[in-house]
Amino acid sequence: MRLPPQQIQLRAILWMVAALAMIRLWVMPIANSFWLDETLIVWAIRGGFGHILQAVPQTPQSMAFCTIEWLTSLVGGIHEPTLRLPSIAAGIGTLYIFYHIGFEFIDRSAGLTLAALYIALQQVAIEVPNARPYSLALLAEAAALLWLLRWLRDGRMKYGILWVTCAVAAGHLHQFFFSVLPLEAGFVVWCAYRQSIVKARQLIICGVIGLALSAFAIPQVSFLSQQAKILTWPPRPSFFDLLKAFVPKYVLAMAALLVLPGWFLAKRPRWKPPQSFNAAALGAIVLLIPTATAFVLSHFTEFHIFYPRYLLPAVPGLVLFWGWVLHGIDSSSVRQLSLIGGLTACTLITGGRSLVPDYRQEGWRPAVHSIPESGAMLVFSGLVESQRLDWLEQPLHWGFLIAPVGAYRPTIQPQDSFVIPFNFNQAGQEYMERLISTRISQRTVTLVARQTPVGPLWTPWISERLGTAGFRLIRDSSYGLVKVEVFQRPR
């Protein structure tokens, strides 16, 4: 069906706004300094594939993603743009998949709605230009949803195998994405019971393949379960946080932009349910159940995992469900105008005041480059694993905990570079008292501290102890959230 000229123009404008949003939010931050978690990837891959096999299983890092980053570094070196390219490429690939899901399972114009909604999500914009596994895991999960919907539509065994392979791959890229796999499997069983398109033999084969592929993650998942209390650090969420996770602010803005013009024109807006109940139901399940489970655990127990990054497995469900809802507004022109407005607002607000967005504001690169070449160094990175005092000086864990400095100064050594404990408590203070009095003999001491809620507590405490030991502050500088203080003792 030929579209009216007005709709063709609006669609062209929407494509242009979407491209500009991707350039500003995804591409322009590519050369920013690594932030804390990205430096852990640098630590993992710098020693080669053997170091990945040895060290990564004892950390929360993804073996699969570290391997991808190591292969990428063989071509382009260990630099910020090089290590972020796989995530940006995955973000673009995810847009292509969502476009196809909308095109195939809702209607011909729904693909653009789903792609625009994905770009507009704030946490997606933050994670795509990132040397972290989230963007690739979202690509794998979106591909799994596409193959799953095709399997339910056509009943072809090939689609079922591709679904379970992509779903397990998402879990290997980040362990939290395994939480979606049983929900998708349950949805398949329910649809097979209702429609009889998927046969029982296919379900058994896909189940065996899924269990076999998932088995490789058991050792690391077991290790992480033992460290769960340390790793679940976010604050206890409120019910308003749960509402925001279910209905992101840009979805509300787009819905308002869809409805209000109709009221101003004295036309009652109409909502007509699009086709493909399976896509909407699957999206609702993937959005609601993991988010609600994370909230219940975080609100009523000590396992706090309700955090925007950890809720990313629900994002493909959010895109499917809310894309289906928004596309039901019966006015394509108003719908496209709302998407244009929402993407424009997202580009301006999420990107911030600076032309080049800096989502983390952690200037580890300039901070480390400013550190004197000689002397001792005390580093507070804010990694929750530094709660374990017995890990602070073990060689393997020391390299992990001091990664933000090691990423830009790989020559640092344990004898003159020390990790500050995460907790500002009596045990941590006693540890630092012993360290300052017995291990520091250099004339120059540099304190590098990430300004988390705990970091500002350590900075004056250490400054006071160094002053008592005869040191005086000669330089105090900040690089975003990274603070550098240089102390020197007179000759």
Protein backbone atom coordinates (compact mmCIF):
# COMPACT_ATOMS: atom_id res chain seq x y z
CA MET A 1 0.00 0.00 0.00
CA ARG A 2 1.41 3.39 -1.02
CA LEU A 3 1.86 5.80 1.89
CA PRO A 4 0.67 9.42 1.72
CA PRO A 5 3.46 12.00 1.09
CA GLN A 6 3.07 13.41 4.62
CA GLN A 7 3.72 10.03 6.21
CA ILE A 8 6.71 9.44 3.93
CA GLN A 9 8.20 12.76 5.06
CA LEU A 10 7.57 12.01 8.74
CA ARG A 11 9.15 8.58 8.38
CA ALA A 12 12.22 10.11 6.74
CA ILE A 13 12.49 12.65 9.57
CA LEU A 14 12.13 9.85 12.14
CA TRP A 15 14.95 7.87 10.52
CA MET A 16 17.14 10.97 10.53
CA VAL A 17 16.40 11.75 14.21
CA ALA A 18 17.08 8.11 15.12
CA ALA A 19 20.42 8.22 13.30
CA LEU A 20 21.41 11.45 15.05
CA ALA A 21 20.42 9.96 18.42
CA MET A 22 22.58 6.91 17.77
CA ILE A 23 25.54 9.06 16.76
CA ARG A 24 25.37 11.27 19.83
CA LEU A 25 24.38 8.69 22.45
CA TRP A 26 26.26 5.64 21.16
CA VAL A 27 29.13 6.71 18.92
CA MET A 28 30.43 10.03 20.26
CA PRO A 29 31.35 8.68 23.75
CA ILE A 30 33.54 5.96 22.21
CA ALA A 31 36.85 7.66 23.10
CA ASN A 32 35.98 8.55 26.72
CA SER A 33 38.15 7.19 29.51
CA PHE A 34 37.40 3.67 30.66
CA TRP A 35 35.20 3.61 33.74
CA LEU A 36 35.62 1.22 36.66
CA ASP A 37 33.97 -1.94 35.28
CA GLU A 38 35.55 -1.51 31.85
CA THR A 39 39.03 -1.56 33.40
CA LEU A 40 38.23 -5.05 34.71
CA ILE A 41 37.91 -6.20 31.09
CA VAL A 42 41.31 -4.66 30.34
CA TRP A 43 42.76 -6.54 33.32
CA ALA A 44 41.22 -9.81 32.11
CA ILE A 45 42.43 -9.67 28.51
CA ARG A 46 45.86 -8.04 28.92
CA GLY A 47 47.46 -11.34 29.93
CA GLY A 48 46.12 -13.17 26.89
CA PHE A 49 43.68 -16.05 26.56
CA GLY A 50 45.51 -18.10 29.19
CA HIS A 51 44.90 -15.37 31.77
CA ILE A 52 41.20 -15.30 30.84
CA LEU A 53 40.93 -19.05 31.45
CA GLN A 54 42.77 -18.81 34.76
CA ALA A 55 41.41 -15.62 36.31
CA VAL A 56 37.96 -14.82 34.94
CA PRO A 57 36.08 -17.85 36.42
CA GLN A 58 36.91 -16.49 39.88
CA THR A 59 35.29 -13.13 39.13
CA PRO A 60 31.83 -11.95 37.95
CA GLN A 61 33.23 -11.24 34.48
CA SER A 62 31.95 -13.07 31.39
CA MET A 63 34.31 -15.60 29.81
CA ALA A 64 32.53 -15.26 26.48
CA PHE A 65 32.71 -11.46 26.42
CA CYS A 66 36.33 -11.37 27.57
CA THR A 67 37.22 -13.75 24.75
CA ILE A 68 35.48 -11.48 22.23
CA GLU A 69 37.31 -8.45 23.61
CA TRP A 70 40.66 -10.28 23.56
CA LEU A 71 40.17 -11.20 19.89
CA THR A 72 39.19 -7.60 19.15
CA SER A 73 42.32 -6.31 20.92
CA LEU A 74 44.50 -8.52 18.72
CA VAL A 75 43.35 -6.41 15.75
CA GLY A 76 43.05 -2.91 17.22
CA GLY A 77 45.01 -3.01 20.47
CA ILE A 78 43.80 -2.29 24.00
CA HIS A 79 42.22 1.12 23.47
CA GLU A 80 38.85 2.59 24.40
CA PRO A 81 37.37 2.80 20.86
CA THR A 82 38.60 -0.69 19.96
CA LEU A 83 37.12 -2.44 22.98
CA ARG A 84 33.82 -0.56 22.67
CA LEU A 85 33.25 -1.35 19.00
CA PRO A 86 31.71 -4.82 19.63
CA SER A 87 29.07 -3.29 21.91
CA ILE A 88 28.18 -0.54 19.46
CA ALA A 89 27.96 -3.05 16.60
CA ALA A 90 25.71 -5.20 18.81
CA GLY A 91 23.47 -2.18 19.50
CA ILE A 92 23.01 -1.62 15.77
CA GLY A 93 22.34 -5.33 15.26
CA THR A 94 19.70 -5.27 18.01
CA LEU A 95 17.89 -2.43 16.23
CA TYR A 96 17.82 -4.53 13.06
CA ILE A 97 16.32 -7.47 14.99
CA PHE A 98 13.64 -5.38 16.69
CA TYR A 99 12.76 -3.86 13.31
CA HIS A 100 12.22 -7.38 11.94
CA ILE A 101 10.17 -8.47 14.96
CA GLY A 102 7.84 -5.50 14.52
CA PHE A 103 7.69 -5.94 10.74
CA GLU A 104 6.92 -9.67 10.92
CA PHE A 105 4.71 -9.97 14.00
CA ILE A 106 2.83 -6.69 14.48
CA ASP A 107 2.51 -4.87 11.16
CA ARG A 108 4.68 -3.37 8.43
CA SER A 109 5.34 -0.08 10.20
CA ALA A 110 5.79 -1.42 13.74
CA GLY A 111 9.48 -2.22 13.26
CA LEU A 112 10.38 1.46 13.32
CA THR A 113 8.38 1.93 16.55
CA LEU A 114 10.29 -0.86 18.30
CA ALA A 115 13.69 0.37 17.05
CA ALA A 116 12.97 3.96 18.13
CA LEU A 117 11.81 2.81 21.55
CA TYR A 118 15.04 0.82 22.03
CA ILE A 119 17.17 3.87 21.19
CA ALA A 120 15.16 6.04 23.58
CA LEU A 121 15.74 3.84 26.66
CA GLN A 122 18.16 5.61 28.98
CA GLN A 123 19.94 2.54 30.35
CA VAL A 124 20.44 1.18 26.83
CA ALA A 125 22.01 4.50 25.79
CA ILE A 126 24.39 4.25 28.75
CA GLU A 127 25.42 0.64 28.17
CA VAL A 128 25.83 0.50 24.38
CA PRO A 129 29.06 2.62 24.16
CA ASN A 130 30.61 0.41 26.81
CA ALA A 131 33.30 -2.29 26.89
CA ARG A 132 30.90 -4.44 28.90
CA PRO A 133 28.78 -7.46 27.87
CA TYR A 134 25.30 -5.96 28.24
CA SER A 135 24.85 -4.77 24.65
CA LEU A 136 25.92 -8.13 23.22
CA ALA A 137 23.69 -9.98 25.70
CA LEU A 138 20.74 -7.81 24.62
CA LEU A 139 21.51 -8.65 20.99
CA ALA A 140 21.50 -12.37 21.78
CA GLU A 141 18.25 -12.13 23.76
CA ALA A 142 16.51 -10.10 21.06
CA ALA A 143 17.63 -12.69 18.48
CA ALA A 144 16.28 -15.44 20.75
CA LEU A 145 12.88 -13.72 20.87
CA LEU A 146 12.82 -13.39 17.08
CA TRP A 147 13.60 -17.11 16.55
CA LEU A 148 11.13 -18.09 19.27
CA LEU A 149 8.28 -16.16 17.65
CA ARG A 150 9.16 -17.66 14.27
CA TRP A 151 9.19 -21.13 15.82
CA LEU A 152 5.74 -20.62 17.32
CA ARG A 153 4.48 -19.32 13.98
CA ASP A 154 5.96 -21.94 11.63
CA GLY A 155 6.82 -24.91 13.88
CA ARG A 156 10.19 -25.46 12.18
CA MET A 157 12.78 -27.28 14.30
CA LYS A 158 15.57 -25.03 12.99
CA TYR A 159 13.98 -22.00 14.62
CA GLY A 160 13.71 -23.78 17.97
CA ILE A 161 17.41 -24.69 17.95
CA LEU A 162 18.38 -21.13 17.02
CA TRP A 163 16.16 -19.81 19.84
CA VAL A 164 17.71 -21.93 22.56
CA THR A 165 21.24 -21.30 21.27
CA CYS A 166 20.79 -17.51 21.31
CA ALA A 167 19.06 -17.59 24.71
CA VAL A 168 21.92 -19.56 26.28
CA ALA A 169 24.49 -17.32 24.56
CA ALA A 170 22.87 -14.31 26.25
CA GLY A 171 23.34 -16.03 29.62
CA HIS A 172 27.00 -16.77 28.90
CA LEU A 173 27.54 -13.11 28.06
CA HIS A 174 26.01 -12.07 31.39
CA GLN A 175 24.75 -14.47 34.02
CA PHE A 176 21.58 -12.50 34.82
CA PHE A 177 20.29 -13.17 31.30
CA PHE A 178 19.88 -16.85 32.20
CA SER A 179 16.84 -15.71 34.21
CA VAL A 180 14.89 -15.17 30.96
CA LEU A 181 15.49 -18.65 29.54
CA PRO A 182 13.04 -20.60 31.77
CA LEU A 183 10.36 -17.96 31.15
CA GLU A 184 10.73 -18.35 27.39
CA ALA A 185 10.72 -22.13 27.74
CA GLY A 186 7.53 -22.00 29.82
CA PHE A 187 5.91 -19.75 27.21
CA VAL A 188 6.79 -22.24 24.46
CA VAL A 189 5.26 -25.12 26.42
CA TRP A 190 2.10 -23.09 27.05
CA CYS A 191 1.78 -22.15 23.36
CA ALA A 192 2.47 -25.74 22.30
CA TYR A 193 -0.34 -26.90 24.59
CA ARG A 194 -2.74 -24.30 23.14
CA GLN A 195 -1.86 -24.38 19.44
CA SER A 196 -0.06 -27.72 18.80
CA ILE A 197 2.27 -26.08 16.28
CA VAL A 198 5.40 -26.99 18.23
CA LYS A 199 5.69 -30.76 18.70
CA ALA A 200 6.70 -32.53 21.92
CA ARG A 201 9.75 -34.07 20.20
CA GLN A 202 10.98 -30.57 19.33
CA LEU A 203 10.55 -29.44 22.92
CA ILE A 204 12.63 -32.36 24.20
CA ILE A 205 15.44 -31.78 21.69
CA CYS A 206 15.62 -28.07 22.45
CA GLY A 207 15.56 -28.79 26.19
CA VAL A 208 18.51 -31.18 25.91
CA ILE A 209 20.47 -28.68 23.80
CA GLY A 210 19.73 -25.87 26.27
CA LEU A 211 20.88 -27.93 29.27
CA ALA A 212 24.04 -29.04 27.49
CA LEU A 213 25.02 -25.52 26.44
CA SER A 214 24.19 -24.06 29.85
CA ALA A 215 26.37 -26.59 31.69
CA PHE A 216 29.53 -24.63 30.85
CA ALA A 217 28.34 -21.81 33.11
CA ILE A 218 27.84 -23.97 36.22
CA PRO A 219 31.35 -23.52 37.80
CA GLN A 220 31.26 -19.72 37.58
CA VAL A 221 27.61 -19.47 38.67
CA SER A 222 28.47 -21.66 41.67
CA PHE A 223 31.37 -19.36 42.58
CA LEU A 224 29.19 -16.27 42.25
CA SER A 225 26.44 -17.80 44.40
CA GLN A 226 29.00 -18.19 47.19
CA GLN A 227 29.88 -14.49 46.88
CA ALA A 228 26.27 -13.34 46.50
CA LYS A 229 26.16 -11.38 49.74
CA ILE A 230 29.20 -9.32 48.71
CA LEU A 231 28.08 -8.70 45.14
CA THR A 232 24.50 -7.61 45.92
CA TRP A 233 25.33 -4.04 46.90
CA PRO A 234 22.57 -1.74 45.49
CA PRO A 235 20.25 0.04 47.98
CA ARG A 236 16.82 -1.31 48.89
CA PRO A 237 14.33 -0.22 46.18
CA SER A 238 10.99 1.50 46.74
CA PHE A 239 7.69 0.72 45.04
CA PHE A 240 8.15 3.87 42.95
CA ASP A 241 11.40 2.35 41.63
CA LEU A 242 9.40 -0.70 40.59
CA LEU A 243 6.88 1.49 38.75
CA LYS A 244 9.71 3.30 36.91
CA ALA A 245 11.16 -0.05 35.85
CA PHE A 246 7.81 -1.16 34.43
CA VAL A 247 7.05 2.16 32.71
CA PRO A 248 10.18 4.11 31.68
CA LYS A 249 9.78 7.87 31.56
CA TYR A 250 10.24 8.12 27.80
CA VAL A 251 7.43 5.60 27.29
CA LEU A 252 5.13 7.89 29.29
CA ALA A 253 6.30 10.89 27.27
CA MET A 254 5.65 9.08 23.99
CA ALA A 255 2.21 7.95 25.17
CA ALA A 256 1.34 11.53 26.15
CA LEU A 257 2.52 12.80 22.79
CA LEU A 258 0.34 10.20 21.14
CA VAL A 259 -2.80 11.08 23.07
CA LEU A 260 -2.66 14.86 23.66
CA PRO A 261 -2.72 16.00 20.01
CA GLY A 262 -5.97 14.11 19.53
CA TRP A 263 -7.57 15.87 22.48
CA PHE A 264 -6.43 19.27 21.23
CA LEU A 265 -7.95 18.51 17.86
CA ALA A 266 -11.20 17.51 19.60
CA LYS A 267 -10.78 13.96 18.35
CA ARG A 268 -11.05 11.17 20.84
CA PRO A 269 -7.90 9.04 20.52
CA ARG A 270 -8.58 5.43 19.64
CA TRP A 271 -6.53 2.41 20.63
CA LYS A 272 -6.80 -0.64 18.41
CA PRO A 273 -4.92 -3.76 19.55
CA PRO A 274 -2.33 -4.69 16.94
CA GLN A 275 -2.00 -8.24 15.74
CA SER A 276 0.28 -10.91 17.25
CA PHE A 277 -0.88 -11.62 20.75
CA ASN A 278 2.14 -13.92 21.13
CA ALA A 279 4.59 -11.02 20.75
CA ALA A 280 2.76 -8.87 23.30
CA ALA A 281 2.30 -11.73 25.80
CA LEU A 282 5.94 -12.80 25.50
CA GLY A 283 7.08 -9.20 25.97
CA ALA A 284 4.91 -8.79 29.07
CA ILE A 285 6.30 -11.98 30.63
CA VAL A 286 9.95 -11.05 29.96
CA LEU A 287 9.35 -7.55 31.34
CA LEU A 288 7.20 -8.26 34.39
CA ILE A 289 8.49 -11.47 35.96
CA PRO A 290 12.29 -10.77 36.12
CA THR A 291 11.67 -7.18 37.26
CA ALA A 292 9.15 -8.17 39.93
CA THR A 293 11.40 -11.02 41.15
CA ALA A 294 14.40 -8.71 41.47
CA PHE A 295 12.25 -6.20 43.37
CA VAL A 296 10.89 -8.79 45.81
CA LEU A 297 14.39 -10.13 46.54
CA SER A 298 15.83 -6.64 46.96
CA HIS A 299 12.97 -5.20 49.01
CA PHE A 300 12.32 -8.09 51.38
CA THR A 301 15.71 -9.88 51.64
CA GLU A 302 19.41 -9.01 51.87
CA PHE A 303 20.08 -9.87 48.22
CA HIS A 304 19.85 -6.45 46.57
CA ILE A 305 19.93 -6.87 42.80
CA PHE A 306 17.34 -4.27 41.79
CA TYR A 307 19.60 -1.96 39.79
CA PRO A 308 19.22 -0.57 36.24
CA ARG A 309 22.15 -2.58 34.84
CA TYR A 310 20.93 -5.79 36.44
CA LEU A 311 17.41 -5.26 35.06
CA LEU A 312 18.61 -5.16 31.45
CA PRO A 313 17.39 -8.75 30.75
CA ALA A 314 13.86 -7.29 30.93
CA VAL A 315 14.56 -4.64 28.26
CA PRO A 316 13.64 -6.76 25.19
CA GLY A 317 10.34 -7.57 26.89
CA LEU A 318 9.78 -3.88 27.61
CA VAL A 319 10.42 -3.01 23.94
CA LEU A 320 8.06 -5.72 22.68
CA PHE A 321 5.24 -4.97 25.11
CA TRP A 322 5.31 -1.16 25.08
CA GLY A 323 6.05 -1.06 21.36
CA TRP A 324 2.94 -3.17 20.82
CA VAL A 325 0.90 -0.85 23.10
CA LEU A 326 2.12 2.40 21.51
CA HIS A 327 1.59 1.04 18.03
CA GLY A 328 -2.08 0.49 18.83
CA ILE A 329 -2.78 4.25 18.74
CA ASP A 330 -4.78 4.60 15.57
CA SER A 331 -2.92 7.48 13.91
CA SER A 332 0.38 6.81 12.18
CA SER A 333 1.19 10.52 11.77
CA VAL A 334 0.70 11.30 15.45
CA ARG A 335 2.61 8.15 16.37
CA GLN A 336 5.60 9.14 14.26
CA LEU A 337 5.53 12.69 15.63
CA SER A 338 5.58 11.28 19.17
CA LEU A 339 8.56 9.06 18.36
CA ILE A 340 10.39 12.03 16.88
CA GLY A 341 9.67 14.09 20.01
CA GLY A 342 10.66 11.25 22.35
CA LEU A 343 13.95 10.56 20.55
CA THR A 344 14.80 14.26 20.48
CA ALA A 345 14.16 14.60 24.22
CA CYS A 346 16.19 11.46 24.91
CA THR A 347 19.10 12.74 22.83
CA LEU A 348 19.17 16.06 24.68
CA ILE A 349 18.45 14.87 28.24
CA THR A 350 20.28 11.54 28.37
CA GLY A 351 23.29 12.99 26.55
CA GLY A 352 23.62 15.81 29.08
CA ARG A 353 24.99 19.30 28.63
CA SER A 354 28.30 18.28 27.10
CA LEU A 355 28.42 17.74 23.35
CA VAL A 356 30.12 14.39 23.96
CA PRO A 357 28.13 12.46 26.58
CA ASP A 358 30.10 11.11 29.54
CA TYR A 359 27.71 8.84 31.40
CA ARG A 360 30.10 7.71 34.14
CA GLN A 361 32.31 10.80 34.58
CA GLU A 362 35.21 8.68 35.78
CA GLY A 363 38.42 10.13 34.38
CA TRP A 364 40.75 7.26 35.23
CA ARG A 365 42.93 7.96 32.18
CA PRO A 366 43.89 11.57 33.05
CA ALA A 367 43.97 10.69 36.75
CA VAL A 368 46.49 7.87 36.30
CA HIS A 369 48.55 9.89 33.84
CA SER A 370 48.87 12.60 36.49
CA ILE A 371 50.28 10.25 39.15
CA PRO A 372 54.03 10.62 39.91
CA GLU A 373 56.23 7.94 38.36
CA SER A 374 57.73 6.94 41.70
CA GLY A 375 56.48 6.52 45.24
CA ALA A 376 53.71 4.54 46.93
CA MET A 377 50.09 4.50 45.83
CA LEU A 378 46.88 3.94 47.78
CA VAL A 379 43.88 3.14 45.58
CA PHE A 380 40.20 3.14 46.50
CA SER A 381 38.32 1.90 43.43
CA GLY A 382 35.02 1.13 45.13
CA LEU A 383 34.89 -2.48 43.95
CA VAL A 384 32.66 -4.40 46.34
CA GLU A 385 35.04 -7.37 46.25
CA SER A 386 37.51 -5.31 48.32
CA GLN A 387 35.30 -6.04 51.34
CA ARG A 388 37.36 -9.23 51.59
CA LEU A 389 40.49 -8.08 53.45
CA ASP A 390 42.20 -11.40 52.76
CA TRP A 391 41.97 -10.68 49.02
CA LEU A 392 43.66 -7.28 49.08
CA GLU A 393 47.21 -8.61 48.79
CA GLN A 394 46.69 -11.93 47.02
CA PRO A 395 48.31 -11.55 43.55
CA LEU A 396 45.31 -12.60 41.48
CA HIS A 397 42.76 -10.58 43.43
CA TRP A 398 45.15 -7.63 43.81
CA GLY A 399 45.36 -7.24 40.02
CA PHE A 400 41.58 -7.33 39.78
CA LEU A 401 41.01 -4.82 42.59
CA ILE A 402 43.57 -2.31 41.32
CA ALA A 403 42.47 -2.64 37.68
CA PRO A 404 41.42 1.03 37.22
CA VAL A 405 45.05 2.09 37.71
CA GLY A 406 46.53 -0.99 36.04
CA ALA A 407 44.53 -0.35 32.88
CA TYR A 408 46.57 2.82 32.23
CA ARG A 409 49.77 1.91 34.08
CA PRO A 410 50.34 -1.83 33.59
CA THR A 411 53.81 -1.65 35.19
CA ILE A 412 52.55 -1.09 38.76
CA GLN A 413 53.70 -3.63 41.35
CA PRO A 414 52.12 -4.96 44.57
CA GLN A 415 55.05 -3.82 46.71
CA ASP A 416 54.26 -0.13 46.22
CA SER A 417 50.57 -0.09 45.16
CA PHE A 418 47.94 -0.94 47.76
CA VAL A 419 44.17 -1.43 47.69
CA ILE A 420 42.01 0.44 50.21
CA PRO A 421 39.18 -1.70 51.69
CA PHE A 422 35.63 -1.09 50.55
CA ASN A 423 34.18 -0.76 54.05
CA PHE A 424 35.06 2.21 56.23
CA ASN A 425 34.76 0.25 59.48
CA GLN A 426 36.99 -0.76 62.37
CA ALA A 427 38.52 -3.76 60.57
CA GLY A 428 39.25 -1.66 57.48
CA GLN A 429 40.78 1.15 59.52
CA GLU A 430 43.00 -1.26 61.47
CA TYR A 431 44.16 -2.77 58.18
CA MET A 432 45.06 0.68 56.81
CA GLU A 433 46.79 1.69 60.08
CA ARG A 434 49.10 -1.33 59.80
CA LEU A 435 49.69 -0.73 56.10
CA ILE A 436 50.63 2.95 56.49
CA SER A 437 52.91 2.30 59.49
CA THR A 438 54.70 -0.79 58.21
CA ARG A 439 54.58 -0.92 54.40
CA ILE A 440 55.09 2.68 53.25
CA SER A 441 58.69 3.88 53.27
CA GLN A 442 58.67 6.02 50.13
CA ARG A 443 58.99 9.78 50.24
CA THR A 444 55.95 10.31 47.98
CA VAL A 445 52.50 8.81 48.49
CA THR A 446 49.60 9.20 46.05
CA LEU A 447 46.00 8.63 47.10
CA VAL A 448 43.62 7.77 44.25
CA ALA A 449 39.97 7.52 45.30
CA ARG A 450 36.74 7.06 43.38
CA GLN A 451 34.10 9.30 44.91
CA THR A 452 31.47 6.73 45.81
CA PRO A 453 29.51 7.18 49.06
CA VAL A 454 32.39 5.43 50.89
CA GLY A 455 35.31 7.09 49.09
CA PRO A 456 34.94 10.55 50.73
CA LEU A 457 35.12 8.85 54.14
CA TRP A 458 38.52 7.35 53.46
CA THR A 459 40.11 10.47 51.93
CA PRO A 460 40.27 12.72 55.04
CA TRP A 461 41.03 9.74 57.29
CA ILE A 462 44.08 8.73 55.24
CA SER A 463 45.15 12.38 54.85
CA GLU A 464 45.17 12.74 58.62
CA ARG A 465 47.22 9.54 59.11
CA LEU A 466 49.75 10.57 56.49
CA GLY A 467 50.01 14.01 58.10
CA THR A 468 50.78 12.37 61.44
CA ALA A 469 53.51 10.34 59.70
CA GLY A 470 55.16 13.54 58.46
CA PHE A 471 53.66 13.86 54.97
CA ARG A 472 52.17 17.06 53.63
CA LEU A 473 49.72 17.55 50.78
CA ILE A 474 51.38 19.03 47.68
CA ARG A 475 48.66 18.43 45.05
CA ASP A 476 44.90 17.92 45.14
CA SER A 477 43.06 17.39 41.84
CA SER A 478 39.84 15.81 40.59
CA TYR A 479 39.04 14.12 37.29
CA GLY A 480 35.30 13.74 37.35
CA LEU A 481 34.56 11.28 40.14
CA VAL A 482 38.22 10.30 40.53
CA LYS A 483 40.20 12.28 43.11
CA VAL A 484 44.01 12.36 43.25
CA GLU A 485 45.99 13.64 46.24
CA VAL A 486 49.79 13.63 46.27
CA PHE A 487 51.63 13.73 49.61
CA GLN A 488 55.35 14.20 50.16
CA ARG A 489 57.60 13.87 53.17
CA PRO A 490 60.44 16.41 53.56
CA ARG A 491 63.96 15.11 53.00
